[in-house]
C-alpha atoms as a PDB file:
ATOM      1  CA  MET A   1       0.000   0.000   0.000  1.00  0.00           C
ATOM      2  CA  ILE A   2       1.332   3.419  -0.964  1.00  0.00           C
ATOM      3  CA  SER A   3       1.257   6.013   1.788  1.00  0.00           C
ATOM      4  CA  ILE A   4      -0.077   9.482   0.930  1.00  0.00           C
ATOM      5  CA  LYS A   5       1.441  12.104   3.189  1.00  0.00           C
ATOM      6  CA  THR A   6      -0.382  15.128   4.566  1.00  0.00           C
ATOM      7  CA  PRO A   7       1.151  18.609   4.228  1.00  0.00           C
ATOM      8  CA  ALA A   8       2.172  18.446   7.893  1.00  0.00           C
ATOM      9  CA  GLU A   9       3.886  15.087   7.361  1.00  0.00           C
ATOM     10  CA  ILE A  10       5.695  16.389   4.290  1.00  0.00           C
ATOM     11  CA  ASP A  11       6.979  19.258   6.394  1.00  0.00           C
ATOM     12  CA  LEU A  12       8.410  16.741   8.874  1.00  0.00           C
ATOM     13  CA  LEU A  13      10.053  14.920   5.976  1.00  0.00           C
ATOM     14  CA  ARG A  14      11.525  18.229   4.782  1.00  0.00           C
ATOM     15  CA  ARG A  15      13.218  18.646   8.161  1.00  0.00           C
ATOM     16  CA  ALA A  16      14.876  15.247   7.865  1.00  0.00           C
ATOM     17  CA  GLY A  17      15.746  15.967   4.240  1.00  0.00           C
ATOM     18  CA  ARG A  18      17.469  19.229   5.087  1.00  0.00           C
ATOM     19  CA  ILE A  19      19.877  17.363   7.363  1.00  0.00           C
ATOM     20  CA  VAL A  20      20.616  14.869   4.583  1.00  0.00           C
ATOM     21  CA  GLY A  21      21.420  17.748   2.245  1.00  0.00           C
ATOM     22  CA  GLU A  22      23.621  19.380   4.872  1.00  0.00           C
ATOM     23  CA  VAL A  23      25.649  16.191   5.259  1.00  0.00           C
ATOM     24  CA  LEU A  24      26.143  15.774   1.511  1.00  0.00           C
ATOM     25  CA  ASN A  25      27.112  19.416   1.110  1.00  0.00           C
ATOM     26  CA  SER A  26      29.640  19.194   3.950  1.00  0.00           C
ATOM     27  CA  LEU A  27      31.279  16.161   2.352  1.00  0.00           C
ATOM     28  CA  GLU A  28      31.937  18.194  -0.796  1.00  0.00           C
ATOM     29  CA  ASP A  29      34.779  19.945   1.041  1.00  0.00           C
ATOM     30  CA  MET A  30      36.019  16.845   2.877  1.00  0.00           C
ATOM     31  CA  ILE A  31      36.381  14.395   0.014  1.00  0.00           C
ATOM     32  CA  ARG A  32      39.966  14.649  -1.195  1.00  0.00           C
ATOM     33  CA  PRO A  33      42.971  12.379  -1.737  1.00  0.00           C
ATOM     34  CA  GLY A  34      44.277  10.976   1.548  1.00  0.00           C
ATOM     35  CA  ILE A  35      41.064  10.864   3.559  1.00  0.00           C
ATOM     36  CA  THR A  36      39.568   7.511   4.577  1.00  0.00           C
ATOM     37  CA  THR A  37      35.971   6.482   4.112  1.00  0.00           C
ATOM     38  CA  GLN A  38      35.834   5.858   7.877  1.00  0.00           C
ATOM     39  CA  GLU A  39      36.712   9.499   8.540  1.00  0.00           C
ATOM     40  CA  LEU A  40      33.833  10.577   6.328  1.00  0.00           C
ATOM     41  CA  ASP A  41      31.501   8.255   8.217  1.00  0.00           C
ATOM     42  CA  VAL A  42      32.549   9.547  11.649  1.00  0.00           C
ATOM     43  CA  TRP A  43      32.053  13.134  10.529  1.00  0.00           C
ATOM     44  CA  ALA A  44      28.614  12.417   9.071  1.00  0.00           C
ATOM     45  CA  GLU A  45      27.355  10.677  12.199  1.00  0.00           C
ATOM     46  CA  LYS A  46      28.589  13.507  14.384  1.00  0.00           C
ATOM     47  CA  LEU A  47      26.832  16.089  12.220  1.00  0.00           C
ATOM     48  CA  ILE A  48      23.562  14.137  12.091  1.00  0.00           C
ATOM     49  CA  ARG A  49      23.437  13.651  15.848  1.00  0.00           C
ATOM     50  CA  SER A  50      24.299  17.316  16.458  1.00  0.00           C
ATOM     51  CA  ARG A  51      21.063  18.170  14.634  1.00  0.00           C
ATOM     52  CA  GLY A  52      19.008  16.003  16.964  1.00  0.00           C
ATOM     53  CA  ALA A  53      18.594  13.219  14.407  1.00  0.00           C
ATOM     54  CA  LYS A  54      19.843   9.660  14.054  1.00  0.00           C
ATOM     55  CA  PRO A  55      21.652   7.921  11.209  1.00  0.00           C
ATOM     56  CA  GLY A  56      19.011   6.223   9.093  1.00  0.00           C
ATOM     57  CA  PHE A  57      21.211   3.374   7.862  1.00  0.00           C
ATOM     58  CA  LYS A  58      23.191   2.424  10.965  1.00  0.00           C
ATOM     59  CA  GLY A  59      21.769  -0.838  12.262  1.00  0.00           C
ATOM     60  CA  TYR A  60      19.270  -1.101   9.395  1.00  0.00           C
ATOM     61  CA  ARG A  61      19.171  -4.820   8.572  1.00  0.00           C
ATOM     62  CA  GLY A  62      22.545  -5.016  10.292  1.00  0.00           C
ATOM     63  CA  PHE A  63      24.343  -2.343   8.265  1.00  0.00           C
ATOM     64  CA  PRO A  64      27.221  -1.135  10.462  1.00  0.00           C
ATOM     65  CA  ALA A  65      27.712   2.490   9.404  1.00  0.00           C
ATOM     66  CA  THR A  66      26.124   5.895   8.899  1.00  0.00           C
ATOM     67  CA  LEU A  67      27.117   6.253   5.247  1.00  0.00           C
ATOM     68  CA  CYS A  68      27.291   3.943   2.276  1.00  0.00           C
ATOM     69  CA  THR A  69      30.624   4.776   0.603  1.00  0.00           C
ATOM     70  CA  SER A  70      30.975   3.130  -2.808  1.00  0.00           C
ATOM     71  CA  VAL A  71      34.255   3.726  -4.641  1.00  0.00           C
ATOM     72  CA  ASN A  72      34.881   3.341  -8.398  1.00  0.00           C
ATOM     73  CA  GLU A  73      33.304   0.030  -9.510  1.00  0.00           C
ATOM     74  CA  GLN A  74      31.271  -0.199  -6.294  1.00  0.00           C
ATOM     75  CA  VAL A  75      27.663   0.615  -7.157  1.00  0.00           C
ATOM     76  CA  VAL A  76      25.916   0.899  -3.782  1.00  0.00           C
ATOM     77  CA  HIS A  77      26.148  -0.221  -0.139  1.00  0.00           C
ATOM     78  CA  GLY A  78      29.912   0.100   0.194  1.00  0.00           C
ATOM     79  CA  MET A  79      30.945   0.036   3.855  1.00  0.00           C
ATOM     80  CA  PRO A  80      33.210   2.733   5.324  1.00  0.00           C
ATOM     81  CA  GLY A  81      36.557   1.589   6.652  1.00  0.00           C
ATOM     82  CA  PRO A  82      40.299   2.206   6.409  1.00  0.00           C
ATOM     83  CA  ARG A  83      40.317   2.642   2.629  1.00  0.00           C
ATOM     84  CA  ILE A  84      42.240   5.782   1.682  1.00  0.00           C
ATOM     85  CA  LEU A  85      40.785   7.716  -1.229  1.00  0.00           C
ATOM     86  CA  LYS A  86      43.163   8.384  -4.100  1.00  0.00           C
ATOM     87  CA  ALA A  87      43.277  11.113  -6.712  1.00  0.00           C
ATOM     88  CA  GLY A  88      41.343  10.141  -9.814  1.00  0.00           C
ATOM     89  CA  GLU A  89      38.821   7.941  -8.019  1.00  0.00           C
ATOM     90  CA  ILE A  90      35.099   8.599  -7.727  1.00  0.00           C
ATOM     91  CA  ILE A  91      33.012   7.867  -4.652  1.00  0.00           C
ATOM     92  CA  SER A  92      29.249   7.580  -4.327  1.00  0.00           C
ATOM     93  CA  VAL A  93      27.985   8.499  -0.864  1.00  0.00           C
ATOM     94  CA  ASP A  94      24.466   7.560   0.250  1.00  0.00           C
ATOM     95  CA  VAL A  95      23.131   8.980   3.515  1.00  0.00           C
ATOM     96  CA  GLY A  96      19.931   8.392   5.454  1.00  0.00           C
ATOM     97  CA  VAL A  97      18.615  10.391   8.382  1.00  0.00           C
ATOM     98  CA  ARG A  98      15.792   9.657  10.829  1.00  0.00           C
ATOM     99  CA  LEU A  99      14.283  12.641  12.621  1.00  0.00           C
ATOM    100  CA  ASP A 100      11.237  12.364  14.873  1.00  0.00           C
ATOM    101  CA  GLY A 101      10.266   9.113  13.192  1.00  0.00           C
ATOM    102  CA  TRP A 102      10.619  10.341   9.577  1.00  0.00           C
ATOM    103  CA  TYR A 103      13.333   9.484   7.057  1.00  0.00           C
ATOM    104  CA  GLY A 104      15.358  11.380   4.498  1.00  0.00           C
ATOM    105  CA  ASP A 105      17.572   9.635   1.942  1.00  0.00           C
ATOM    106  CA  ALA A 106      19.855  10.950  -0.799  1.00  0.00           C
ATOM    107  CA  ALA A 107      23.112  10.176  -2.581  1.00  0.00           C
ATOM    108  CA  ARG A 108      25.759  11.970  -4.566  1.00  0.00           C
ATOM    109  CA  THR A 109      28.866  10.919  -6.479  1.00  0.00           C
ATOM    110  CA  TYR A 110      32.022  12.960  -5.941  1.00  0.00           C
ATOM    111  CA  ALA A 111      35.314  13.239  -7.763  1.00  0.00           C
ATOM    112  CA  VAL A 112      38.409  12.650  -5.634  1.00  0.00           C
ATOM    113  CA  GLY A 113      40.728  15.340  -6.928  1.00  0.00           C
ATOM    114  CA  GLN A 114      41.042  15.461 -10.711  1.00  0.00           C
ATOM    115  CA  VAL A 115      39.313  12.619 -12.559  1.00  0.00           C
ATOM    116  CA  ASN A 116      39.435  11.613 -16.206  1.00  0.00           C
ATOM    117  CA  PRO A 117      36.884  13.009 -18.701  1.00  0.00           C
ATOM    118  CA  GLU A 118      34.930   9.749 -18.934  1.00  0.00           C
ATOM    119  CA  ALA A 119      34.404   9.650 -15.166  1.00  0.00           C
ATOM    120  CA  GLU A 120      33.294  13.283 -15.275  1.00  0.00           C
ATOM    121  CA  ARG A 121      30.874  12.463 -18.071  1.00  0.00           C
ATOM    122  CA  LEU A 122      29.490   9.456 -16.184  1.00  0.00           C
ATOM    123  CA  MET A 123      28.752  11.594 -13.136  1.00  0.00           C
ATOM    124  CA  ARG A 124      27.221  14.369 -15.230  1.00  0.00           C
ATOM    125  CA  VAL A 125      24.952  12.022 -17.161  1.00  0.00           C
ATOM    126  CA  THR A 126      23.780  10.327 -13.956  1.00  0.00           C
ATOM    127  CA  ARG A 127      22.942  13.664 -12.360  1.00  0.00           C
ATOM    128  CA  GLU A 128      21.109  14.756 -15.504  1.00  0.00           C
ATOM    129  CA  ALA A 129      19.180  11.478 -15.562  1.00  0.00           C
ATOM    130  CA  LEU A 130      18.075  12.079 -11.986  1.00  0.00           C
ATOM    131  CA  GLU A 131      16.822  15.565 -12.862  1.00  0.00           C
ATOM    132  CA  LEU A 132      14.923  14.174 -15.863  1.00  0.00           C
ATOM    133  CA  GLY A 133      13.380  11.465 -13.704  1.00  0.00           C
ATOM    134  CA  VAL A 134      12.303  13.996 -11.096  1.00  0.00           C
ATOM    135  CA  ALA A 135      10.673  16.090 -13.834  1.00  0.00           C
ATOM    136  CA  GLN A 136       8.390  13.107 -14.548  1.00  0.00           C
ATOM    137  CA  ALA A 137       7.436  12.702 -10.879  1.00  0.00           C
ATOM    138  CA  ARG A 138       4.208  14.661 -10.926  1.00  0.00           C
ATOM    139  CA  PRO A 139       0.550  13.841 -10.295  1.00  0.00           C
ATOM    140  CA  ASN A 140      -1.242  11.830 -12.995  1.00  0.00           C
ATOM    141  CA  ASN A 141       1.960  10.482 -14.526  1.00  0.00           C
ATOM    142  CA  ARG A 142       2.801   6.806 -14.090  1.00  0.00           C
ATOM    143  CA  ILE A 143       5.644   5.389 -12.021  1.00  0.00           C
ATOM    144  CA  SER A 144       7.363   4.030 -15.146  1.00  0.00           C
ATOM    145  CA  ASP A 145       7.595   7.522 -16.653  1.00  0.00           C
ATOM    146  CA  ILE A 146      10.362   8.223 -14.141  1.00  0.00           C
ATOM    147  CA  GLY A 147      12.467   5.204 -15.065  1.00  0.00           C
ATOM    148  CA  HIS A 148      11.870   5.621 -18.787  1.00  0.00           C
ATOM    149  CA  ALA A 149      13.249   9.176 -18.656  1.00  0.00           C
ATOM    150  CA  VAL A 150      16.308   7.943 -16.755  1.00  0.00           C
ATOM    151  CA  GLN A 151      16.991   5.002 -19.062  1.00  0.00           C
ATOM    152  CA  THR A 152      16.535   6.989 -22.272  1.00  0.00           C
ATOM    153  CA  HIS A 153      19.068   9.622 -21.222  1.00  0.00           C
ATOM    154  CA  VAL A 154      21.608   7.153 -19.827  1.00  0.00           C
ATOM    155  CA  GLU A 155      21.600   4.809 -22.805  1.00  0.00           C
ATOM    156  CA  ALA A 156      21.782   7.676 -25.301  1.00  0.00           C
ATOM    157  CA  ALA A 157      25.085   8.558 -23.626  1.00  0.00           C
ATOM    158  CA  GLY A 158      26.401   5.007 -24.062  1.00  0.00           C
ATOM    159  CA  PHE A 159      26.077   3.991 -20.407  1.00  0.00           C
ATOM    160  CA  SER A 160      23.802   1.428 -18.724  1.00  0.00           C
ATOM    161  CA  VAL A 161      21.216   1.507 -15.948  1.00  0.00           C
ATOM    162  CA  VAL A 162      21.467  -0.941 -13.049  1.00  0.00           C
ATOM    163  CA  ARG A 163      18.428  -3.257 -12.997  1.00  0.00           C
ATOM    164  CA  ASP A 164      18.865  -5.066  -9.680  1.00  0.00           C
ATOM    165  CA  PHE A 165      18.382  -2.062  -7.395  1.00  0.00           C
ATOM    166  CA  VAL A 166      15.654   0.571  -7.576  1.00  0.00           C
ATOM    167  CA  GLY A 167      14.245   3.674  -5.973  1.00  0.00           C
ATOM    168  CA  HIS A 168      11.425   3.544  -3.439  1.00  0.00           C
ATOM    169  CA  GLY A 169       8.799   5.320  -1.447  1.00  0.00           C
ATOM    170  CA  ILE A 170       9.899   6.778   1.877  1.00  0.00           C
ATOM    171  CA  GLY A 171       8.289   8.145   5.023  1.00  0.00           C
ATOM    172  CA  ARG A 172       8.055   6.564   8.457  1.00  0.00           C
ATOM    173  CA  GLU A 173       9.930   3.630   6.921  1.00  0.00           C
ATOM    174  CA  LEU A 174      13.161   3.939   4.969  1.00  0.00           C
ATOM    175  CA  HIS A 175      11.818   1.735   2.192  1.00  0.00           C
ATOM    176  CA  GLU A 176       8.120   1.959   1.366  1.00  0.00           C
ATOM    177  CA  ALA A 177       5.997   1.208  -1.682  1.00  0.00           C
ATOM    178  CA  PRO A 178       6.218   1.839  -4.571  1.00  0.00           C
ATOM    179  CA  GLN A 179       9.431   0.517  -6.060  1.00  0.00           C
ATOM    180  CA  ILE A 180      10.841   2.863  -8.727  1.00  0.00           C
ATOM    181  CA  PRO A 181      12.905   1.106 -11.411  1.00  0.00           C
ATOM    182  CA  ASN A 182      15.300   3.281 -13.414  1.00  0.00           C
ATOM    183  CA  TYR A 183      14.271   1.659 -16.688  1.00  0.00           C
ATOM    184  CA  GLY A 184      11.179   0.493 -18.566  1.00  0.00           C
ATOM    185  CA  GLU A 185       8.451   1.523 -20.962  1.00  0.00           C
ATOM    186  CA  PRO A 186       6.544   4.749 -20.261  1.00  0.00           C
ATOM    187  CA  HIS A 187       2.933   5.100 -19.054  1.00  0.00           C
ATOM    188  CA  CYS A 188       2.890   1.893 -16.998  1.00  0.00           C
ATOM    189  CA  GLY A 189       2.325   1.006 -13.375  1.00  0.00           C
ATOM    190  CA  VAL A 190       1.083   3.037 -10.439  1.00  0.00           C
ATOM    191  CA  ARG A 191      -0.461   6.426 -11.136  1.00  0.00           C
ATOM    192  CA  LEU A 192       1.368   9.139  -9.222  1.00  0.00           C
ATOM    193  CA  LYS A 193      -0.621  11.253  -6.763  1.00  0.00           C
ATOM    194  CA  LYS A 194      -0.149  14.391  -4.717  1.00  0.00           C
ATOM    195  CA  GLY A 195       1.277  13.503  -1.309  1.00  0.00           C
ATOM    196  CA  MET A 196       3.515  10.662  -2.439  1.00  0.00           C
ATOM    197  CA  VAL A 197       7.115  10.953  -1.256  1.00  0.00           C
ATOM    198  CA  LEU A 198       9.683   9.113  -3.356  1.00  0.00           C
ATOM    199  CA  ALA A 199      13.406   8.392  -3.282  1.00  0.00           C
ATOM    200  CA  ILE A 200      14.493   8.486  -6.924  1.00  0.00           C
ATOM    201  CA  GLU A 201      18.007   7.124  -7.436  1.00  0.00           C
ATOM    202  CA  PRO A 202      19.621   6.320 -10.774  1.00  0.00           C
ATOM    203  CA  MET A 203      22.599   3.953 -10.524  1.00  0.00           C
ATOM    204  CA  VAL A 204      24.548   4.130 -13.780  1.00  0.00           C
ATOM    205  CA  ASN A 205      27.450   1.978 -14.977  1.00  0.00           C
ATOM    206  CA  ALA A 206      30.063   3.002 -17.509  1.00  0.00           C
ATOM    207  CA  GLY A 207      29.994  -0.565 -18.860  1.00  0.00           C
ATOM    208  CA  GLN A 208      27.306  -3.246 -18.703  1.00  0.00           C
ATOM    209  CA  TYR A 209      24.443  -3.134 -16.213  1.00  0.00           C
ATOM    210  CA  ALA A 210      25.130  -6.509 -14.531  1.00  0.00           C
ATOM    211  CA  VAL A 211      26.212  -6.346 -10.870  1.00  0.00           C
ATOM    212  CA  ARG A 212      27.153  -8.746  -8.082  1.00  0.00           C
ATOM    213  CA  VAL A 213      27.296  -8.628  -4.283  1.00  0.00           C
ATOM    214  CA  LEU A 214      30.652  -9.162  -2.566  1.00  0.00           C
ATOM    215  CA  ASP A 215      31.278 -11.648   0.223  1.00  0.00           C
ATOM    216  CA  ASP A 216      30.588  -8.977   2.857  1.00  0.00           C
ATOM    217  CA  LYS A 217      26.903  -9.383   1.816  1.00  0.00           C
ATOM    218  CA  TRP A 218      26.542  -5.625   1.311  1.00  0.00           C
ATOM    219  CA  THR A 219      28.892  -4.111  -1.259  1.00  0.00           C
ATOM    220  CA  VAL A 220      27.500  -4.216  -4.798  1.00  0.00           C
ATOM    221  CA  VAL A 221      29.999  -3.950  -7.676  1.00  0.00           C
ATOM    222  CA  THR A 222      29.802  -3.947 -11.453  1.00  0.00           C
ATOM    223  CA  GLN A 223      30.472  -7.394 -12.883  1.00  0.00           C
ATOM    224  CA  ASP A 224      32.769  -6.017 -15.567  1.00  0.00           C
ATOM    225  CA  GLY A 225      34.727  -3.758 -13.205  1.00  0.00           C
ATOM    226  CA  SER A 226      33.537  -0.546 -14.861  1.00  0.00           C
ATOM    227  CA  LEU A 227      32.929   2.666 -12.936  1.00  0.00           C
ATOM    228  CA  SER A 228      29.511   3.334 -11.430  1.00  0.00           C
ATOM    229  CA  SER A 229      27.782   6.557 -10.379  1.00  0.00           C
ATOM    230  CA  HIS A 230      24.790   7.074  -8.061  1.00  0.00           C
ATOM    231  CA  PHE A 231      22.671  10.167  -7.455  1.00  0.00           C
ATOM    232  CA  GLU A 232      19.490  10.271  -5.386  1.00  0.00           C
ATOM    233  CA  TYR A 233      16.907  12.776  -4.186  1.00  0.00           C
ATOM    234  CA  THR A 234      13.942  12.412  -1.884  1.00  0.00           C
ATOM    235  CA  VAL A 235      11.059  14.277  -3.517  1.00  0.00           C
ATOM    236  CA  ALA A 236       7.535  15.176  -2.404  1.00  0.00           C
ATOM    237  CA  LEU A 237       4.768  15.329  -5.009  1.00  0.00           C
ATOM    238  CA  LEU A 238       2.854  18.588  -4.747  1.00  0.00           C
ATOM    239  CA  ASP A 239      -0.008  19.931  -6.868  1.00  0.00           C
ATOM    240  CA  ARG A 240       1.808  19.929 -10.218  1.00  0.00           C
ATOM    241  CA  GLU A 241       5.414  18.908  -9.656  1.00  0.00           C
ATOM    242  CA  ALA A 242       7.895  17.309  -7.293  1.00  0.00           C
ATOM    243  CA  GLU A 243       9.783  19.266  -4.663  1.00  0.00           C
ATOM    244  CA  VAL A 244      13.290  18.020  -3.887  1.00  0.00           C
ATOM    245  CA  ILE A 245      13.513  17.952  -0.090  1.00  0.00           C
ATOM    246  CA  THR A 246      17.096  16.681   0.363  1.00  0.00           C
ATOM    247  CA  ILE A 247      19.129  19.669  -0.844  1.00  0.00           C
END
């Protein structure tokens, strides 16, 4: 069942979303060659708790950290640790926040120092695909209109869309109905309505779309070892359009 949020509930979700955006913005200045993913995680948890919130991922289904830090060929769910970031790498950071019982969730891919033009293009195309997907998240459209917009843009650029992981509804639970694939034919599936709150999150590979999960049971990587980029917004559907509430 898809939850329709009231204006008051959307305002509570905005509060959680603002903290998510603050964390991602603060990491923009921290991510550089020489820093470890664990240092990023410690900083993020400290910031979240200083705002009176809790990390949304830590302890969720046993996940051990505040952030998901996915480097290079890692697609999603990378675990922070002693890994030192190097110049030329890219890192996707996913952060969840829980405030007064409501969740915010967003992700961004960052360059570590100077990266090559293809990595820059991968990140740019993924961000553009997210914006195009969000533009389709409006009342009376269908859920598949979002994924179709993402897939069309990504594949026109010569990249591929991950099939095994999708976006989702969000609210009092981190993952709610509906699921939001980043691919598919348009005008199919659930009709979008005012009051829905969605986490839209293209995951885009430079090579083929196939992925696999590592032995840690969390980290997802591209099967062919190609780079992957991940951008995500939480959005609230208003009268005619979606409002991004995690920036």
